[in-house]
Amino acid sequence: MLLTLAVTPVLAAPAPRLAITLSTTKGPVDIPEADAEPLGAKIRAFVDSCSLNSIDRPSVFEGRDPDRSWAEARARPCLLARFAKPFAVNARQTREPMLVSEVLMPLRLDGPYWFTRRGEIVVQHTKCRPRAGAAVLCSPAIRAHLDAEEQRGCDVLMR
């Protein structure tokens, strides 16, 4: 008698489309996927709001090494958003698309620099709209993890 067993494959949970990790003064915080996903459009809008970047206007960022600046910003309190599918930055005047898979935002609304990356290419951004940044950092899922000074910045911008 031949005995056969049906094997049910174990399926891994799908990877989140957007993973957000905060580095705070109290330690790292992974934002739950249910809270992270709604922030995706706000993070993209924030990046689109930046009027200067190191690809289109390298002279503005002269003397600033993008890789070192990324590492320095990553070592401080920040938000790191990782998108499963890269997106194009829309608010640009050039023909060549700037594709982004990671966004690094210091937890300070006054910047002055923010970062995007795809693979090994780091792009620095500045002159970003504060309200677009506040829509991300002052959202309930993120704001709950901000320190008192960062929360005061939210209070000022959200009036």
Protein backbone atom coordinates (compact mmCIF):
# COMPACT_ATOMS: atom_id res chain seq x y z
CA MET A 1 0.00 0.00 0.00
CA LEU A 2 1.42 3.34 -1.05
CA LEU A 3 0.77 6.23 1.28
CA THR A 4 0.89 9.75 -0.11
CA LEU A 5 0.85 12.85 1.95
CA ALA A 6 -0.46 16.10 0.65
CA VAL A 7 1.99 18.85 1.40
CA THR A 8 0.59 22.30 1.77
CA PRO A 9 3.17 24.89 0.89
CA VAL A 10 3.86 27.45 3.57
CA LEU A 11 3.52 30.88 2.07
CA ALA A 12 5.51 33.70 3.55
CA ALA A 13 3.68 36.89 4.28
CA PRO A 14 4.15 39.35 1.44
CA ALA A 15 6.75 42.03 2.02
CA PRO A 16 5.25 45.39 2.90
CA ARG A 17 5.03 47.86 0.04
CA LEU A 18 6.37 50.52 2.38
CA ALA A 19 8.46 49.97 5.50
CA ILE A 20 9.10 52.91 7.82
CA THR A 21 11.68 52.83 10.57
CA LEU A 22 12.27 55.68 12.98
CA SER A 23 15.58 56.23 14.70
CA THR A 24 14.66 58.18 17.82
CA THR A 25 16.51 59.35 20.91
CA LYS A 26 14.84 56.40 22.69
CA GLY A 27 15.90 53.82 20.08
CA PRO A 28 14.59 52.37 16.80
CA VAL A 29 10.85 52.07 16.11
CA ASP A 30 9.31 50.09 13.25
CA ILE A 31 6.02 51.68 12.21
CA PRO A 32 3.33 49.02 11.66
CA GLU A 33 2.45 48.44 8.01
CA ALA A 34 -1.15 49.55 8.60
CA ASP A 35 0.16 52.96 9.73
CA ALA A 36 3.00 53.15 7.20
CA GLU A 37 1.02 52.52 4.02
CA PRO A 38 -1.18 55.65 4.29
CA LEU A 39 1.98 57.75 4.69
CA GLY A 40 3.37 56.67 1.31
CA ALA A 41 1.55 59.34 -0.70
CA LYS A 42 2.51 62.00 1.85
CA ILE A 43 6.18 61.02 1.71
CA ARG A 44 6.11 61.13 -2.09
CA ALA A 45 4.40 64.55 -2.01
CA PHE A 46 7.08 65.78 0.39
CA VAL A 47 9.89 64.71 -1.96
CA ASP A 48 8.03 66.31 -4.88
CA SER A 49 7.84 69.56 -2.89
CA CYS A 50 11.63 69.98 -2.75
CA SER A 51 12.68 72.60 -5.27
CA LEU A 52 16.42 71.85 -5.30
CA ASN A 53 18.28 68.56 -5.54
CA SER A 54 21.89 67.54 -6.03
CA ILE A 55 21.26 65.97 -9.46
CA ASP A 56 19.70 69.01 -11.13
CA ARG A 57 21.57 71.70 -9.17
CA PRO A 58 24.90 70.22 -8.00
CA SER A 59 26.36 73.70 -7.35
CA VAL A 60 23.92 74.21 -4.45
CA PHE A 61 25.38 71.14 -2.73
CA GLU A 62 29.00 71.76 -3.63
CA GLY A 63 31.36 70.52 -0.92
CA ARG A 64 28.73 68.15 0.54
CA ASP A 65 29.42 64.46 -0.07
CA PRO A 66 26.01 62.81 -0.52
CA ASP A 67 27.06 59.43 0.90
CA ARG A 68 28.67 60.99 3.98
CA SER A 69 25.68 63.34 4.44
CA TRP A 70 23.31 60.34 4.25
CA ALA A 71 25.36 58.50 6.90
CA GLU A 72 25.45 61.56 9.17
CA ALA A 73 21.67 62.08 8.86
CA ARG A 74 21.07 58.35 9.44
CA ALA A 75 23.07 58.53 12.69
CA ARG A 76 20.68 61.17 14.09
CA PRO A 77 16.95 60.91 14.81
CA CYS A 78 15.31 60.28 11.44
CA LEU A 79 12.61 58.55 9.47
CA LEU A 80 13.71 56.01 6.86
CA ALA A 81 11.01 54.95 4.40
CA ARG A 82 11.76 51.99 2.10
CA PHE A 83 9.45 51.56 -0.88
CA ALA A 84 9.17 48.09 -2.44
CA LYS A 85 8.57 49.69 -5.83
CA PRO A 86 10.68 52.75 -6.75
CA PHE A 87 8.81 55.90 -7.69
CA ALA A 88 9.75 58.85 -9.90
CA VAL A 89 10.12 62.35 -8.48
CA ASN A 90 7.60 64.37 -10.46
CA ALA A 91 8.35 68.01 -9.68
CA ARG A 92 11.42 68.29 -11.92
CA GLN A 93 12.22 70.19 -15.08
CA THR A 94 14.58 67.57 -16.56
CA ARG A 95 13.89 64.70 -18.91
CA GLU A 96 15.82 62.05 -17.01
CA PRO A 97 13.65 60.57 -14.26
CA MET A 98 14.93 60.45 -10.70
CA LEU A 99 13.82 57.11 -9.25
CA VAL A 100 13.58 56.70 -5.49
CA SER A 101 13.34 53.59 -3.35
CA GLU A 102 14.32 55.13 0.02
CA VAL A 103 13.55 58.47 1.65
CA LEU A 104 15.51 59.72 4.66
CA MET A 105 13.93 62.57 6.63
CA PRO A 106 15.56 64.01 9.74
CA LEU A 107 12.96 64.29 12.50
CA ARG A 108 13.42 68.06 12.40
CA LEU A 109 10.97 69.97 10.26
CA ASP A 110 13.48 72.75 9.61
CA GLY A 111 15.89 70.55 7.65
CA PRO A 112 17.80 71.97 5.82
CA TYR A 113 18.59 68.74 3.93
CA TRP A 114 16.61 65.60 3.13
CA PHE A 115 17.71 62.59 1.13
CA THR A 116 16.53 60.01 -1.35
CA ARG A 117 18.32 56.94 -2.58
CA ARG A 118 17.99 54.19 -5.12
CA GLY A 119 20.66 51.55 -4.87
CA GLU A 120 23.93 53.34 -4.26
CA ILE A 121 22.83 56.72 -5.67
CA VAL A 122 22.10 59.26 -2.92
CA VAL A 123 20.40 62.51 -3.85
CA GLN A 124 20.30 65.48 -1.49
CA HIS A 125 17.25 67.75 -1.42
CA THR A 126 16.60 71.18 0.03
CA LYS A 127 14.01 73.95 -0.09
CA CYS A 128 11.24 71.47 0.67
CA ARG A 129 7.81 72.72 1.76
CA PRO A 130 7.50 72.55 5.55
CA ARG A 131 3.79 71.71 5.47
CA ALA A 132 4.49 68.69 3.24
CA GLY A 133 7.12 67.55 5.77
CA ALA A 134 4.70 68.17 8.63
CA ALA A 135 2.07 66.01 6.91
CA VAL A 136 4.49 63.11 7.36
CA LEU A 137 6.29 63.82 10.64
CA CYS A 138 3.26 65.21 12.46
CA SER A 139 0.97 62.33 11.50
CA PRO A 140 -0.24 60.46 14.60
CA ALA A 141 1.80 57.31 13.80
CA ILE A 142 5.05 59.28 13.70
CA ARG A 143 4.36 62.15 16.09
CA ALA A 144 3.83 59.75 18.98
CA HIS A 145 7.55 58.93 18.78
CA LEU A 146 8.92 62.48 18.45
CA ASP A 147 10.68 64.17 21.34
CA ALA A 148 9.19 67.30 22.94
CA GLU A 149 11.13 69.76 20.77
CA GLU A 150 10.15 67.99 17.55
CA GLN A 151 6.50 67.93 18.69
CA ARG A 152 6.64 71.70 19.33
CA GLY A 153 7.69 72.10 15.69
CA CYS A 154 4.54 70.22 14.72
CA ASP A 155 2.42 72.50 16.92
CA VAL A 156 3.80 75.58 15.17
CA LEU A 157 3.29 74.24 11.63
CA MET A 158 -0.09 72.65 12.22
CA ARG A 159 -1.78 75.85 13.48
